[in-house]
Amino acid sequence: MGAMHIRIVCPEHNAYEAEAAFVSVPASDGELGVLPRHASEIATIVPGYVRVADQAMGESDHVFAVTSGYVQIADDEVVVLAARAEDLADVNADEVREKLAGFEEQLGNLSEDDARRAYLYNEIAWCRLLLAE
């Protein structure tokens, strides 16, 4: 079984780049598993988790929370383009819980038609994604 190359890219940074034996991404129509020699494909991804197995399918050596974006698969390269991506191994759960509480408090203080609600909903959803695993 060969390996393939995976890159997870965000506007701010290159979140991850390595060789992988198996990758699964949260595609809009369900979890999409990718092995070497996968057919070329471009799919929309939804908020969820990208799981990377270094050696064998069925292992998750790295798990990344991602927001919506795209995945492109071609020539044994998987490129995940997401608005945000974070390695769950780097997440400080206490910090995230503190942020989440702050965002929820701010949301509670806003009027129904406040334009900042959408921003806060996004931040709350992101924090929950980081804590869900």
N, C-alpha and C. Protein backbone atom coordinates (compact mmCIF):
# COMPACT_ATOMS: atom_id res chain seq x y z
N MET A 1 0.85 -1.19 0.00
CA MET A 1 0.00 0.00 0.00
C MET A 1 0.88 1.24 0.00
N GLY A 2 0.70 2.11 -0.97
CA GLY A 2 1.50 3.32 -1.04
C GLY A 2 1.01 4.36 -0.06
N ALA A 3 1.66 5.49 -0.09
CA ALA A 3 1.23 6.59 0.76
C ALA A 3 0.72 7.71 -0.12
N MET A 4 0.07 8.64 0.47
CA MET A 4 -0.35 9.83 -0.26
C MET A 4 0.03 11.04 0.58
N HIS A 5 -0.07 12.18 -0.03
CA HIS A 5 0.32 13.42 0.61
C HIS A 5 -0.94 14.15 1.04
N ILE A 6 -0.96 14.67 2.26
CA ILE A 6 -2.09 15.48 2.71
C ILE A 6 -1.62 16.86 3.13
N ARG A 7 -2.41 17.86 2.73
CA ARG A 7 -2.17 19.23 3.18
C ARG A 7 -3.50 19.79 3.67
N ILE A 8 -3.46 20.46 4.82
CA ILE A 8 -4.64 21.15 5.33
C ILE A 8 -4.26 22.62 5.37
N VAL A 9 -4.96 23.42 4.59
CA VAL A 9 -4.59 24.81 4.38
C VAL A 9 -5.73 25.74 4.78
N CYS A 10 -5.37 26.81 5.50
CA CYS A 10 -6.33 27.85 5.89
C CYS A 10 -5.80 29.18 5.37
N PRO A 11 -6.64 30.20 5.34
CA PRO A 11 -6.14 31.52 4.91
C PRO A 11 -4.96 32.00 5.75
N GLU A 12 -4.98 31.73 7.07
CA GLU A 12 -3.92 32.24 7.94
C GLU A 12 -2.66 31.39 7.93
N HIS A 13 -2.81 30.09 7.73
CA HIS A 13 -1.63 29.23 7.86
C HIS A 13 -1.83 27.88 7.19
N ASN A 14 -0.71 27.19 7.00
CA ASN A 14 -0.72 25.82 6.52
C ASN A 14 -0.83 24.97 7.79
N ALA A 15 -2.00 24.39 8.06
CA ALA A 15 -2.23 23.72 9.34
C ALA A 15 -1.50 22.39 9.46
N TYR A 16 -1.30 21.71 8.32
CA TYR A 16 -0.68 20.38 8.41
C TYR A 16 -0.22 19.95 7.03
N GLU A 17 0.90 19.24 7.00
CA GLU A 17 1.38 18.67 5.74
C GLU A 17 2.22 17.45 6.07
N ALA A 18 1.87 16.30 5.47
CA ALA A 18 2.60 15.06 5.76
C ALA A 18 2.18 13.97 4.78
N GLU A 19 2.80 12.81 4.93
CA GLU A 19 2.38 11.62 4.20
C GLU A 19 1.31 10.92 5.04
N ALA A 20 0.39 10.24 4.38
CA ALA A 20 -0.67 9.54 5.11
C ALA A 20 -1.04 8.27 4.37
N ALA A 21 -1.55 7.29 5.14
CA ALA A 21 -2.03 6.05 4.55
C ALA A 21 -3.53 6.12 4.28
N PHE A 22 -4.24 6.94 5.09
CA PHE A 22 -5.68 7.06 4.97
C PHE A 22 -6.10 8.40 5.54
N VAL A 23 -7.09 9.02 4.90
CA VAL A 23 -7.63 10.30 5.37
C VAL A 23 -9.14 10.23 5.27
N SER A 24 -9.83 10.75 6.27
CA SER A 24 -11.28 10.91 6.11
C SER A 24 -11.63 12.36 6.35
N VAL A 25 -12.56 12.87 5.54
CA VAL A 25 -12.96 14.27 5.63
C VAL A 25 -14.48 14.35 5.74
N PRO A 26 -14.98 15.41 6.41
CA PRO A 26 -16.42 15.57 6.58
C PRO A 26 -17.06 16.21 5.35
N ALA A 27 -17.30 15.41 4.32
CA ALA A 27 -17.90 15.94 3.09
C ALA A 27 -19.37 16.26 3.32
N SER A 28 -19.92 17.13 2.49
CA SER A 28 -21.30 17.56 2.68
C SER A 28 -22.30 16.41 2.54
N ASP A 29 -21.93 15.36 1.83
CA ASP A 29 -22.85 14.22 1.68
C ASP A 29 -22.42 13.03 2.52
N GLY A 30 -21.63 13.27 3.57
CA GLY A 30 -21.21 12.19 4.47
C GLY A 30 -19.70 12.10 4.54
N GLU A 31 -19.22 11.26 5.43
CA GLU A 31 -17.77 11.13 5.61
C GLU A 31 -17.15 10.51 4.35
N LEU A 32 -16.08 11.12 3.88
CA LEU A 32 -15.40 10.66 2.67
C LEU A 32 -14.04 10.10 3.06
N GLY A 33 -13.85 8.80 2.83
CA GLY A 33 -12.59 8.15 3.13
C GLY A 33 -11.71 8.12 1.90
N VAL A 34 -10.43 8.40 2.08
CA VAL A 34 -9.51 8.47 0.94
C VAL A 34 -8.31 7.56 1.20
N LEU A 35 -8.10 6.64 0.30
CA LEU A 35 -6.92 5.78 0.30
C LEU A 35 -6.06 6.14 -0.91
N PRO A 36 -4.79 5.73 -0.94
CA PRO A 36 -3.98 5.98 -2.13
C PRO A 36 -4.68 5.47 -3.39
N ARG A 37 -4.43 6.14 -4.50
CA ARG A 37 -5.01 5.84 -5.81
C ARG A 37 -6.51 6.11 -5.87
N HIS A 38 -6.99 6.97 -4.99
CA HIS A 38 -8.40 7.39 -5.02
C HIS A 38 -8.64 8.18 -6.30
N ALA A 39 -9.82 8.05 -6.86
CA ALA A 39 -10.17 8.81 -8.07
C ALA A 39 -10.11 10.31 -7.77
N SER A 40 -9.76 11.09 -8.79
CA SER A 40 -9.74 12.54 -8.62
C SER A 40 -11.14 13.04 -8.28
N GLU A 41 -11.20 13.97 -7.35
CA GLU A 41 -12.49 14.44 -6.88
C GLU A 41 -12.32 15.78 -6.19
N ILE A 42 -13.35 16.61 -6.30
CA ILE A 42 -13.43 17.83 -5.50
C ILE A 42 -14.76 17.77 -4.78
N ALA A 43 -14.76 17.97 -3.47
CA ALA A 43 -15.99 17.90 -2.70
C ALA A 43 -16.05 19.07 -1.72
N THR A 44 -17.26 19.43 -1.37
CA THR A 44 -17.48 20.44 -0.35
C THR A 44 -17.37 19.77 1.00
N ILE A 45 -16.71 20.43 1.95
CA ILE A 45 -16.68 19.89 3.31
C ILE A 45 -17.52 20.78 4.22
N VAL A 46 -17.99 20.16 5.29
CA VAL A 46 -18.81 20.84 6.29
C VAL A 46 -18.03 20.83 7.61
N PRO A 47 -18.44 21.66 8.57
CA PRO A 47 -17.73 21.63 9.85
C PRO A 47 -17.71 20.21 10.43
N GLY A 48 -16.54 19.80 10.88
CA GLY A 48 -16.39 18.44 11.41
C GLY A 48 -14.92 18.13 11.61
N TYR A 49 -14.55 16.87 11.38
CA TYR A 49 -13.19 16.42 11.69
C TYR A 49 -12.51 15.75 10.51
N VAL A 50 -11.27 16.16 10.26
CA VAL A 50 -10.42 15.47 9.29
C VAL A 50 -9.56 14.53 10.12
N ARG A 51 -9.60 13.24 9.79
CA ARG A 51 -8.83 12.24 10.51
C ARG A 51 -7.74 11.71 9.59
N VAL A 52 -6.51 11.68 10.10
CA VAL A 52 -5.37 11.26 9.30
C VAL A 52 -4.73 10.03 9.96
N ALA A 53 -4.57 8.98 9.18
CA ALA A 53 -3.87 7.78 9.64
C ALA A 53 -2.50 7.74 8.96
N ASP A 54 -1.44 7.71 9.77
CA ASP A 54 -0.09 7.70 9.23
C ASP A 54 0.25 6.38 8.53
N GLN A 55 -0.12 5.28 9.17
CA GLN A 55 0.32 3.96 8.69
C GLN A 55 -0.81 3.10 8.13
N ALA A 56 -1.97 3.09 8.78
CA ALA A 56 -3.01 2.14 8.39
C ALA A 56 -4.40 2.71 8.61
N MET A 57 -5.31 2.33 7.72
CA MET A 57 -6.71 2.70 7.85
C MET A 57 -7.23 2.19 9.19
N GLY A 58 -8.11 2.95 9.80
CA GLY A 58 -8.68 2.51 11.07
C GLY A 58 -8.00 3.13 12.27
N GLU A 59 -6.87 3.78 12.06
CA GLU A 59 -6.18 4.50 13.13
C GLU A 59 -6.35 6.00 12.88
N SER A 60 -6.55 6.76 13.93
CA SER A 60 -6.55 8.22 13.78
C SER A 60 -5.33 8.75 14.51
N ASP A 61 -4.27 9.00 13.77
CA ASP A 61 -3.05 9.54 14.39
C ASP A 61 -3.15 11.04 14.61
N HIS A 62 -3.93 11.71 13.76
CA HIS A 62 -4.11 13.16 13.88
C HIS A 62 -5.57 13.46 13.58
N VAL A 63 -6.16 14.35 14.40
CA VAL A 63 -7.54 14.76 14.17
C VAL A 63 -7.57 16.28 14.17
N PHE A 64 -8.15 16.83 13.12
CA PHE A 64 -8.26 18.28 12.97
C PHE A 64 -9.71 18.69 12.92
N ALA A 65 -10.08 19.68 13.71
CA ALA A 65 -11.40 20.30 13.56
C ALA A 65 -11.29 21.25 12.38
N VAL A 66 -12.29 21.22 11.50
CA VAL A 66 -12.30 22.14 10.36
C VAL A 66 -13.68 22.77 10.22
N THR A 67 -13.69 23.96 9.66
CA THR A 67 -14.96 24.58 9.29
C THR A 67 -15.22 24.24 7.83
N SER A 68 -16.21 24.86 7.26
CA SER A 68 -16.55 24.54 5.88
C SER A 68 -15.43 24.91 4.91
N GLY A 69 -15.46 24.27 3.76
CA GLY A 69 -14.44 24.50 2.74
C GLY A 69 -14.54 23.45 1.66
N TYR A 70 -13.38 23.05 1.14
CA TYR A 70 -13.33 22.09 0.04
C TYR A 70 -12.21 21.10 0.26
N VAL A 71 -12.35 19.94 -0.37
CA VAL A 71 -11.24 18.99 -0.42
C VAL A 71 -11.02 18.67 -1.89
N GLN A 72 -9.77 18.63 -2.28
CA GLN A 72 -9.40 18.25 -3.64
C GLN A 72 -8.50 17.03 -3.55
N ILE A 73 -8.87 15.99 -4.30
CA ILE A 73 -8.11 14.75 -4.32
C ILE A 73 -7.64 14.53 -5.75
N ALA A 74 -6.33 14.40 -5.94
CA ALA A 74 -5.78 14.16 -7.28
C ALA A 74 -4.36 13.64 -7.14
N ASP A 75 -4.04 12.62 -7.92
CA ASP A 75 -2.66 12.09 -7.97
C ASP A 75 -2.07 11.82 -6.59
N ASP A 76 -2.81 11.13 -5.76
CA ASP A 76 -2.36 10.79 -4.41
C ASP A 76 -2.00 12.01 -3.56
N GLU A 77 -2.67 13.10 -3.83
CA GLU A 77 -2.54 14.27 -2.96
C GLU A 77 -3.94 14.70 -2.53
N VAL A 78 -4.10 14.91 -1.23
CA VAL A 78 -5.36 15.38 -0.65
C VAL A 78 -5.10 16.78 -0.12
N VAL A 79 -5.83 17.75 -0.64
CA VAL A 79 -5.68 19.13 -0.16
C VAL A 79 -7.02 19.57 0.43
N VAL A 80 -6.99 19.87 1.73
CA VAL A 80 -8.18 20.37 2.41
C VAL A 80 -8.02 21.88 2.54
N LEU A 81 -8.96 22.61 1.96
CA LEU A 81 -8.97 24.07 2.06
C LEU A 81 -10.13 24.44 2.97
N ALA A 82 -9.83 24.94 4.16
CA ALA A 82 -10.88 25.26 5.12
C ALA A 82 -10.68 26.67 5.65
N ALA A 83 -11.77 27.31 6.00
CA ALA A 83 -11.68 28.66 6.57
C ALA A 83 -10.88 28.61 7.88
N ARG A 84 -11.08 27.53 8.65
CA ARG A 84 -10.33 27.34 9.90
C ARG A 84 -10.00 25.86 10.05
N ALA A 85 -8.85 25.59 10.64
CA ALA A 85 -8.46 24.22 10.96
C ALA A 85 -7.58 24.25 12.19
N GLU A 86 -7.78 23.29 13.08
CA GLU A 86 -7.02 23.25 14.32
C GLU A 86 -6.76 21.80 14.69
N ASP A 87 -5.50 21.49 14.96
CA ASP A 87 -5.12 20.16 15.42
C ASP A 87 -5.66 20.01 16.85
N LEU A 88 -6.52 19.00 17.07
CA LEU A 88 -7.11 18.84 18.40
C LEU A 88 -6.05 18.58 19.47
N ALA A 89 -4.89 18.06 19.07
CA ALA A 89 -3.82 17.82 20.03
C ALA A 89 -3.29 19.14 20.61
N ASP A 90 -3.50 20.23 19.88
CA ASP A 90 -3.01 21.55 20.34
C ASP A 90 -4.05 22.35 21.10
N VAL A 91 -5.26 21.81 21.22
CA VAL A 91 -6.35 22.57 21.83
C VAL A 91 -6.23 22.54 23.35
N ASN A 92 -6.30 23.71 23.96
CA ASN A 92 -6.36 23.83 25.41
C ASN A 92 -7.84 23.91 25.77
N ALA A 93 -8.40 22.80 26.25
CA ALA A 93 -9.85 22.71 26.49
C ALA A 93 -10.34 23.76 27.49
N ASP A 94 -9.55 24.04 28.52
CA ASP A 94 -9.98 25.04 29.52
C ASP A 94 -10.09 26.43 28.89
N GLU A 95 -9.11 26.77 28.06
CA GLU A 95 -9.14 28.06 27.36
C GLU A 95 -10.36 28.15 26.47
N VAL A 96 -10.63 27.06 25.73
CA VAL A 96 -11.76 27.07 24.80
C VAL A 96 -13.08 27.18 25.57
N ARG A 97 -13.19 26.46 26.70
CA ARG A 97 -14.42 26.55 27.52
C ARG A 97 -14.64 27.97 28.02
N GLU A 98 -13.53 28.62 28.41
CA GLU A 98 -13.60 30.01 28.89
C GLU A 98 -14.10 30.93 27.77
N LYS A 99 -13.53 30.77 26.58
CA LYS A 99 -13.95 31.57 25.42
C LYS A 99 -15.42 31.33 25.13
N LEU A 100 -15.81 30.04 25.14
CA LEU A 100 -17.19 29.66 24.85
C LEU A 100 -18.15 30.35 25.81
N ALA A 101 -17.82 30.32 27.09
CA ALA A 101 -18.67 30.97 28.10
C ALA A 101 -18.79 32.47 27.82
N GLY A 102 -17.66 33.08 27.44
CA GLY A 102 -17.67 34.51 27.12
C GLY A 102 -18.55 34.83 25.92
N PHE A 103 -18.43 34.00 24.86
CA PHE A 103 -19.24 34.22 23.66
C PHE A 103 -20.73 34.03 23.98
N GLU A 104 -21.04 33.00 24.79
CA GLU A 104 -22.45 32.75 25.13
C GLU A 104 -23.01 33.89 25.97
N GLU A 105 -22.18 34.44 26.85
CA GLU A 105 -22.61 35.57 27.68
C GLU A 105 -22.88 36.80 26.80
N GLN A 106 -21.96 37.06 25.86
CA GLN A 106 -22.16 38.19 24.94
C GLN A 106 -23.44 38.01 24.14
N LEU A 107 -23.67 36.80 23.68
CA LEU A 107 -24.86 36.51 22.88
C LEU A 107 -26.12 36.80 23.68
N GLY A 108 -26.10 36.41 24.96
CA GLY A 108 -27.25 36.63 25.83
C GLY A 108 -27.56 38.10 26.04
N ASN A 109 -26.55 38.96 25.86
CA ASN A 109 -26.73 40.39 26.08
C ASN A 109 -27.13 41.16 24.82
N LEU A 110 -27.16 40.48 23.67
CA LEU A 110 -27.48 41.16 22.42
C LEU A 110 -28.98 41.11 22.13
N SER A 111 -29.45 42.15 21.46
CA SER A 111 -30.85 42.13 21.03
C SER A 111 -31.00 41.15 19.87
N GLU A 112 -32.22 40.75 19.60
CA GLU A 112 -32.50 39.74 18.56
C GLU A 112 -31.96 40.13 17.19
N ASP A 113 -31.98 41.43 16.88
CA ASP A 113 -31.60 41.86 15.52
C ASP A 113 -30.17 42.39 15.44
N ASP A 114 -29.38 42.16 16.48
CA ASP A 114 -28.00 42.66 16.48
C ASP A 114 -27.18 41.90 15.44
N ALA A 115 -26.44 42.63 14.62
CA ALA A 115 -25.65 42.03 13.54
C ALA A 115 -24.53 41.14 14.06
N ARG A 116 -24.12 41.34 15.30
CA ARG A 116 -23.01 40.54 15.84
C ARG A 116 -23.43 39.11 16.21
N ARG A 117 -24.73 38.83 16.18
CA ARG A 117 -25.21 37.49 16.56
C ARG A 117 -24.59 36.41 15.66
N ALA A 118 -24.53 36.67 14.35
CA ALA A 118 -24.01 35.67 13.41
C ALA A 118 -22.55 35.34 13.74
N TYR A 119 -21.77 36.39 14.02
CA TYR A 119 -20.36 36.19 14.40
C TYR A 119 -20.28 35.31 15.66
N LEU A 120 -21.07 35.63 16.65
CA LEU A 120 -21.02 34.88 17.91
C LEU A 120 -21.49 33.44 17.71
N TYR A 121 -22.53 33.24 16.91
CA TYR A 121 -22.98 31.87 16.62
C TYR A 121 -21.84 31.06 16.00
N ASN A 122 -21.11 31.68 15.06
CA ASN A 122 -19.97 31.01 14.42
C ASN A 122 -18.88 30.67 15.43
N GLU A 123 -18.56 31.61 16.30
CA GLU A 123 -17.51 31.38 17.30
C GLU A 123 -17.93 30.29 18.29
N ILE A 124 -19.19 30.29 18.69
CA ILE A 124 -19.70 29.28 19.62
C ILE A 124 -19.64 27.90 18.95
N ALA A 125 -20.06 27.83 17.70
CA ALA A 125 -20.03 26.55 16.98
C ALA A 125 -18.60 26.03 16.85
N TRP A 126 -17.66 26.93 16.58
CA TRP A 126 -16.24 26.54 16.46
C TRP A 126 -15.72 26.02 17.80
N CYS A 127 -16.01 26.71 18.89
CA CYS A 127 -15.55 26.26 20.21
C CYS A 127 -16.13 24.88 20.52
N ARG A 128 -17.40 24.68 20.22
CA ARG A 128 -18.03 23.38 20.50
C ARG A 128 -17.38 22.27 19.67
N LEU A 129 -17.01 22.61 18.44
CA LEU A 129 -16.32 21.63 17.57
C LEU A 129 -14.98 21.24 18.19
N LEU A 130 -14.26 22.21 18.72
CA LEU A 130 -12.95 21.95 19.32
C LEU A 130 -13.06 21.09 20.57
N LEU A 131 -14.21 21.16 21.24
CA LEU A 131 -14.39 20.43 22.49
C LEU A 131 -15.09 19.09 22.32
N ALA A 132 -15.64 18.84 21.15
CA ALA A 132 -16.55 17.69 20.98
C ALA A 132 -15.87 16.34 20.95
N GLU A 133 -14.60 16.30 20.55
CA GLU A 133 -13.94 14.98 20.37
C GLU A 133 -13.72 14.28 21.70
